[in-house]
């Protein structure tokens, strides 16, 4: 047997491990996508307690917003600002939201 050639059992174990890793990664990405979508919705409603809860669960404070007609390809920070949700804006800033992000309108 060659030093660089794996037997069938080793190949099977590697493929199984890679499949499991792939599944876990997909679940993780889907979970964070759901949290970020929920953050967009909570921001749109002005729901500060829900925004805080979602951030504590790992939602990204720089999540892009594509559903609010006032914010063309902006962020949740922009959406909160334009809707006058000052406490949510403050929460995003405290959690590190990027104030230098630009959208189509600058």
N, C-alpha and C. Protein backbone atom coordinates (compact mmCIF):
# COMPACT_ATOMS: atom_id res chain seq x y z
N UNK A 1 0.85 -1.18 0.00
CA UNK A 1 0.00 0.00 0.00
C UNK A 1 0.89 1.24 0.00
N UNK A 2 0.52 2.21 -0.77
CA UNK A 2 1.25 3.47 -0.87
C UNK A 2 1.04 4.31 0.39
N UNK A 3 2.03 5.14 0.70
CA UNK A 3 1.91 6.04 1.85
C UNK A 3 0.83 7.08 1.64
N UNK A 4 0.55 7.42 0.41
CA UNK A 4 -0.40 8.49 0.10
C UNK A 4 -1.77 7.97 -0.31
N UNK A 5 -1.95 6.69 -0.26
CA UNK A 5 -3.22 6.12 -0.68
C UNK A 5 -3.97 5.60 0.54
N UNK A 6 -5.17 6.09 0.71
CA UNK A 6 -5.97 5.68 1.87
C UNK A 6 -6.82 4.46 1.52
N UNK A 7 -7.06 3.62 2.50
CA UNK A 7 -7.93 2.47 2.27
C UNK A 7 -9.39 2.93 2.24
N UNK A 8 -10.28 2.05 1.87
CA UNK A 8 -11.70 2.41 1.70
C UNK A 8 -12.33 2.89 3.00
N UNK A 9 -11.97 2.30 4.11
CA UNK A 9 -12.54 2.70 5.39
C UNK A 9 -12.16 4.14 5.71
N UNK A 10 -10.92 4.49 5.48
CA UNK A 10 -10.45 5.86 5.74
C UNK A 10 -11.16 6.85 4.84
N UNK A 11 -11.30 6.51 3.57
CA UNK A 11 -12.00 7.38 2.63
C UNK A 11 -13.45 7.57 3.07
N UNK A 12 -14.10 6.48 3.46
CA UNK A 12 -15.49 6.55 3.92
C UNK A 12 -15.60 7.45 5.15
N UNK A 13 -14.70 7.30 6.10
CA UNK A 13 -14.72 8.12 7.31
C UNK A 13 -14.53 9.60 6.98
N UNK A 14 -13.62 9.88 6.06
CA UNK A 14 -13.38 11.27 5.67
C UNK A 14 -14.61 11.87 4.99
N UNK A 15 -15.21 11.12 4.10
CA UNK A 15 -16.41 11.62 3.40
C UNK A 15 -17.56 11.84 4.38
N UNK A 16 -17.72 10.92 5.31
CA UNK A 16 -18.77 11.06 6.32
C UNK A 16 -18.53 12.30 7.16
N UNK A 17 -17.29 12.49 7.60
CA UNK A 17 -16.95 13.66 8.41
C UNK A 17 -17.20 14.95 7.64
N UNK A 18 -16.82 14.98 6.38
CA UNK A 18 -17.03 16.18 5.56
C UNK A 18 -18.52 16.45 5.35
N UNK A 19 -19.30 15.40 5.18
CA UNK A 19 -20.75 15.56 5.03
C UNK A 19 -21.36 16.15 6.29
N UNK A 20 -20.95 15.63 7.43
CA UNK A 20 -21.47 16.14 8.71
C UNK A 20 -21.09 17.60 8.90
N UNK A 21 -19.85 17.95 8.59
CA UNK A 21 -19.40 19.34 8.70
C UNK A 21 -20.22 20.23 7.78
N UNK A 22 -20.48 19.77 6.56
CA UNK A 22 -21.28 20.55 5.61
C UNK A 22 -22.69 20.79 6.11
N UNK A 23 -23.30 19.77 6.68
CA UNK A 23 -24.66 19.90 7.22
C UNK A 23 -24.68 20.90 8.37
N UNK A 24 -23.72 20.79 9.27
CA UNK A 24 -23.66 21.72 10.40
C UNK A 24 -23.48 23.15 9.93
N UNK A 25 -22.63 23.35 8.92
CA UNK A 25 -22.41 24.70 8.39
C UNK A 25 -23.69 25.26 7.78
N UNK A 26 -24.42 24.44 7.05
CA UNK A 26 -25.68 24.90 6.44
C UNK A 26 -26.69 25.28 7.51
N UNK A 27 -26.80 24.47 8.55
CA UNK A 27 -27.73 24.79 9.64
C UNK A 27 -27.35 26.09 10.32
N UNK A 28 -26.04 26.29 10.53
CA UNK A 28 -25.57 27.51 11.19
C UNK A 28 -25.88 28.73 10.35
N UNK A 29 -25.61 28.65 9.06
CA UNK A 29 -25.89 29.77 8.16
C UNK A 29 -27.38 30.06 8.13
N UNK A 30 -28.19 29.03 8.04
CA UNK A 30 -29.65 29.22 8.02
C UNK A 30 -30.14 29.84 9.32
N UNK A 31 -29.58 29.42 10.43
CA UNK A 31 -30.00 29.96 11.73
C UNK A 31 -29.68 31.44 11.82
N UNK A 32 -28.47 31.84 11.41
CA UNK A 32 -28.11 33.25 11.47
C UNK A 32 -28.90 34.08 10.46
N UNK A 33 -29.20 33.50 9.31
CA UNK A 33 -30.02 34.22 8.33
C UNK A 33 -31.39 34.50 8.92
N UNK A 34 -31.96 33.53 9.62
CA UNK A 34 -33.26 33.72 10.24
C UNK A 34 -33.23 34.80 11.31
N UNK A 35 -32.18 34.81 12.12
CA UNK A 35 -32.05 35.82 13.18
C UNK A 35 -31.91 37.20 12.55
N UNK A 36 -31.16 37.31 11.47
CA UNK A 36 -30.98 38.61 10.82
C UNK A 36 -32.28 39.09 10.18
N UNK A 37 -33.02 38.17 9.57
CA UNK A 37 -34.33 38.55 9.00
C UNK A 37 -35.27 39.03 10.09
N UNK A 38 -35.24 38.35 11.22
CA UNK A 38 -36.07 38.76 12.35
C UNK A 38 -35.65 40.13 12.88
N UNK A 39 -34.34 40.41 12.83
CA UNK A 39 -33.85 41.73 13.26
C UNK A 39 -34.39 42.83 12.36
N UNK A 40 -34.43 42.57 11.06
CA UNK A 40 -34.99 43.55 10.12
C UNK A 40 -36.46 43.81 10.45
N UNK A 41 -37.20 42.75 10.72
CA UNK A 41 -38.64 42.90 11.03
C UNK A 41 -38.84 43.64 12.35
N UNK A 42 -38.07 43.29 13.37
CA UNK A 42 -38.20 43.94 14.67
C UNK A 42 -37.83 45.42 14.58
N UNK A 43 -36.83 45.73 13.77
CA UNK A 43 -36.44 47.13 13.57
C UNK A 43 -37.56 47.89 12.89
N UNK A 44 -38.17 47.28 11.89
CA UNK A 44 -39.28 47.91 11.18
C UNK A 44 -40.47 48.20 12.07
N UNK A 45 -40.68 47.35 13.07
CA UNK A 45 -41.78 47.55 14.02
C UNK A 45 -41.40 48.49 15.15
N UNK A 46 -40.10 48.77 15.29
CA UNK A 46 -39.65 49.60 16.41
C UNK A 46 -39.66 48.85 17.73
N UNK A 47 -39.46 47.55 17.68
CA UNK A 47 -39.53 46.69 18.86
C UNK A 47 -38.15 46.55 19.51
N UNK A 48 -37.85 47.47 20.43
CA UNK A 48 -36.53 47.52 21.07
C UNK A 48 -36.19 46.25 21.83
N UNK A 49 -37.11 45.72 22.60
CA UNK A 49 -36.81 44.52 23.39
C UNK A 49 -36.49 43.33 22.48
N UNK A 50 -37.20 43.21 21.37
CA UNK A 50 -36.93 42.13 20.42
C UNK A 50 -35.58 42.35 19.73
N UNK A 51 -35.28 43.59 19.39
CA UNK A 51 -33.98 43.91 18.79
C UNK A 51 -32.85 43.49 19.73
N UNK A 52 -32.97 43.84 21.01
CA UNK A 52 -31.94 43.46 21.99
C UNK A 52 -31.81 41.95 22.11
N UNK A 53 -32.95 41.26 22.13
CA UNK A 53 -32.92 39.80 22.24
C UNK A 53 -32.23 39.16 21.04
N UNK A 54 -32.55 39.66 19.85
CA UNK A 54 -31.95 39.10 18.63
C UNK A 54 -30.45 39.37 18.56
N UNK A 55 -30.04 40.55 18.98
CA UNK A 55 -28.61 40.86 19.00
C UNK A 55 -27.89 39.92 19.97
N UNK A 56 -28.51 39.66 21.11
CA UNK A 56 -27.89 38.74 22.08
C UNK A 56 -27.80 37.32 21.53
N UNK A 57 -28.64 36.99 20.55
CA UNK A 57 -28.60 35.67 19.91
C UNK A 57 -27.67 35.64 18.71
N UNK A 58 -26.99 36.75 18.44
CA UNK A 58 -26.00 36.76 17.37
C UNK A 58 -26.40 37.46 16.10
N UNK A 59 -27.52 38.17 16.10
CA UNK A 59 -27.92 38.91 14.89
C UNK A 59 -26.87 39.97 14.58
N UNK A 60 -26.65 40.20 13.31
CA UNK A 60 -25.65 41.15 12.83
C UNK A 60 -26.24 42.56 12.79
N UNK A 61 -25.62 43.49 13.55
CA UNK A 61 -26.14 44.86 13.60
C UNK A 61 -25.88 45.62 12.30
N UNK A 62 -25.19 45.00 11.36
CA UNK A 62 -24.96 45.61 10.05
C UNK A 62 -25.76 44.89 8.96
N UNK A 63 -26.82 44.22 9.36
CA UNK A 63 -27.67 43.49 8.42
C UNK A 63 -28.24 44.43 7.37
N UNK A 64 -28.23 43.99 6.13
CA UNK A 64 -28.77 44.78 5.03
C UNK A 64 -30.29 44.71 5.01
N UNK A 65 -30.90 45.81 4.63
CA UNK A 65 -32.36 45.91 4.54
C UNK A 65 -32.71 46.11 3.07
N UNK A 66 -33.57 45.25 2.54
CA UNK A 66 -33.98 45.38 1.15
C UNK A 66 -35.49 45.50 1.00
N UNK A 67 -36.21 45.53 2.11
CA UNK A 67 -37.67 45.55 2.02
C UNK A 67 -38.27 46.92 2.29
N UNK A 68 -37.59 47.77 3.01
CA UNK A 68 -38.11 49.09 3.37
C UNK A 68 -37.86 50.04 2.20
N UNK A 69 -38.91 50.62 1.65
CA UNK A 69 -38.75 51.49 0.48
C UNK A 69 -37.99 52.77 0.82
N UNK A 70 -37.97 53.16 2.08
CA UNK A 70 -37.20 54.35 2.48
C UNK A 70 -35.70 54.08 2.47
N UNK A 71 -35.32 52.83 2.64
CA UNK A 71 -33.91 52.47 2.74
C UNK A 71 -33.56 51.55 1.57
N UNK A 72 -32.97 52.11 0.54
CA UNK A 72 -32.58 51.32 -0.62
C UNK A 72 -31.21 50.70 -0.37
N UNK A 73 -31.20 49.37 -0.17
CA UNK A 73 -29.97 48.62 0.08
C UNK A 73 -29.16 49.21 1.23
N UNK A 74 -29.85 49.59 2.28
CA UNK A 74 -29.19 50.13 3.47
C UNK A 74 -29.08 49.08 4.56
N UNK A 75 -28.90 49.55 5.77
CA UNK A 75 -28.76 48.65 6.92
C UNK A 75 -29.90 48.88 7.90
N UNK A 76 -29.97 48.01 8.91
CA UNK A 76 -30.99 48.19 9.94
C UNK A 76 -30.77 49.49 10.70
N UNK A 77 -29.53 49.93 10.81
CA UNK A 77 -29.25 51.22 11.45
C UNK A 77 -29.90 52.35 10.67
N UNK A 78 -29.78 52.32 9.36
CA UNK A 78 -30.40 53.35 8.51
C UNK A 78 -31.92 53.31 8.64
N UNK A 79 -32.48 52.10 8.65
CA UNK A 79 -33.93 51.95 8.76
C UNK A 79 -34.43 52.50 10.09
N UNK A 80 -33.73 52.19 11.16
CA UNK A 80 -34.13 52.70 12.48
C UNK A 80 -34.02 54.22 12.52
N UNK A 81 -32.98 54.76 11.92
CA UNK A 81 -32.79 56.22 11.90
C UNK A 81 -33.91 56.91 11.13
N UNK A 82 -34.20 56.40 9.94
CA UNK A 82 -35.22 57.02 9.11
C UNK A 82 -36.62 56.91 9.70
N UNK A 83 -36.85 55.89 10.52
CA UNK A 83 -38.15 55.73 11.15
C UNK A 83 -38.24 56.40 12.52
N UNK A 84 -37.16 57.03 12.95
CA UNK A 84 -37.17 57.76 14.21
C UNK A 84 -37.11 56.89 15.45
N UNK A 85 -36.57 55.69 15.33
CA UNK A 85 -36.45 54.78 16.47
C UNK A 85 -35.11 55.01 17.17
N UNK A 86 -35.03 56.12 17.91
CA UNK A 86 -33.77 56.56 18.52
C UNK A 86 -33.16 55.54 19.47
N UNK A 87 -33.98 54.86 20.25
CA UNK A 87 -33.44 53.87 21.19
C UNK A 87 -32.84 52.68 20.46
N UNK A 88 -33.44 52.30 19.35
CA UNK A 88 -32.89 51.20 18.55
C UNK A 88 -31.59 51.65 17.89
N UNK A 89 -31.56 52.88 17.39
CA UNK A 89 -30.33 53.43 16.81
C UNK A 89 -29.22 53.37 17.86
N UNK A 90 -29.53 53.82 19.07
CA UNK A 90 -28.54 53.82 20.15
C UNK A 90 -28.05 52.39 20.43
N UNK A 91 -28.96 51.44 20.45
CA UNK A 91 -28.60 50.04 20.70
C UNK A 91 -27.66 49.52 19.61
N UNK A 92 -27.98 49.81 18.35
CA UNK A 92 -27.11 49.38 17.25
C UNK A 92 -25.72 50.00 17.38
N UNK A 93 -25.67 51.28 17.72
CA UNK A 93 -24.38 51.95 17.86
C UNK A 93 -23.58 51.36 19.02
N UNK A 94 -24.24 51.08 20.13
CA UNK A 94 -23.56 50.47 21.28
C UNK A 94 -23.01 49.09 20.94
N UNK A 95 -23.68 48.40 20.03
CA UNK A 95 -23.26 47.05 19.65
C UNK A 95 -22.32 47.04 18.44
N UNK A 96 -21.89 48.23 18.00
CA UNK A 96 -20.85 48.30 16.97
C UNK A 96 -21.32 48.43 15.54
N UNK A 97 -22.52 48.92 15.31
CA UNK A 97 -22.99 49.11 13.93
C UNK A 97 -22.06 50.08 13.21
N UNK A 98 -21.80 49.80 11.95
CA UNK A 98 -20.91 50.63 11.13
C UNK A 98 -21.65 51.85 10.62
N UNK A 99 -21.23 53.03 11.07
CA UNK A 99 -21.90 54.28 10.67
C UNK A 99 -21.41 54.77 9.32
N UNK A 100 -20.41 54.13 8.75
CA UNK A 100 -19.84 54.57 7.48
C UNK A 100 -20.37 53.82 6.27
N UNK A 101 -21.30 52.90 6.48
CA UNK A 101 -21.89 52.16 5.36
C UNK A 101 -22.73 53.12 4.53
N UNK A 102 -22.62 53.00 3.20
CA UNK A 102 -23.41 53.84 2.30
C UNK A 102 -24.34 52.97 1.48
N UNK A 103 -25.48 53.54 1.13
CA UNK A 103 -26.42 52.83 0.26
C UNK A 103 -26.49 53.56 -1.07
N UNK A 104 -27.50 53.25 -1.88
CA UNK A 104 -27.64 53.86 -3.20
C UNK A 104 -27.75 55.39 -3.14
N UNK A 105 -28.33 55.88 -2.05
CA UNK A 105 -28.51 57.33 -1.91
C UNK A 105 -27.32 58.02 -1.26
N UNK A 106 -26.32 57.26 -0.91
CA UNK A 106 -25.12 57.83 -0.30
C UNK A 106 -25.16 57.74 1.17
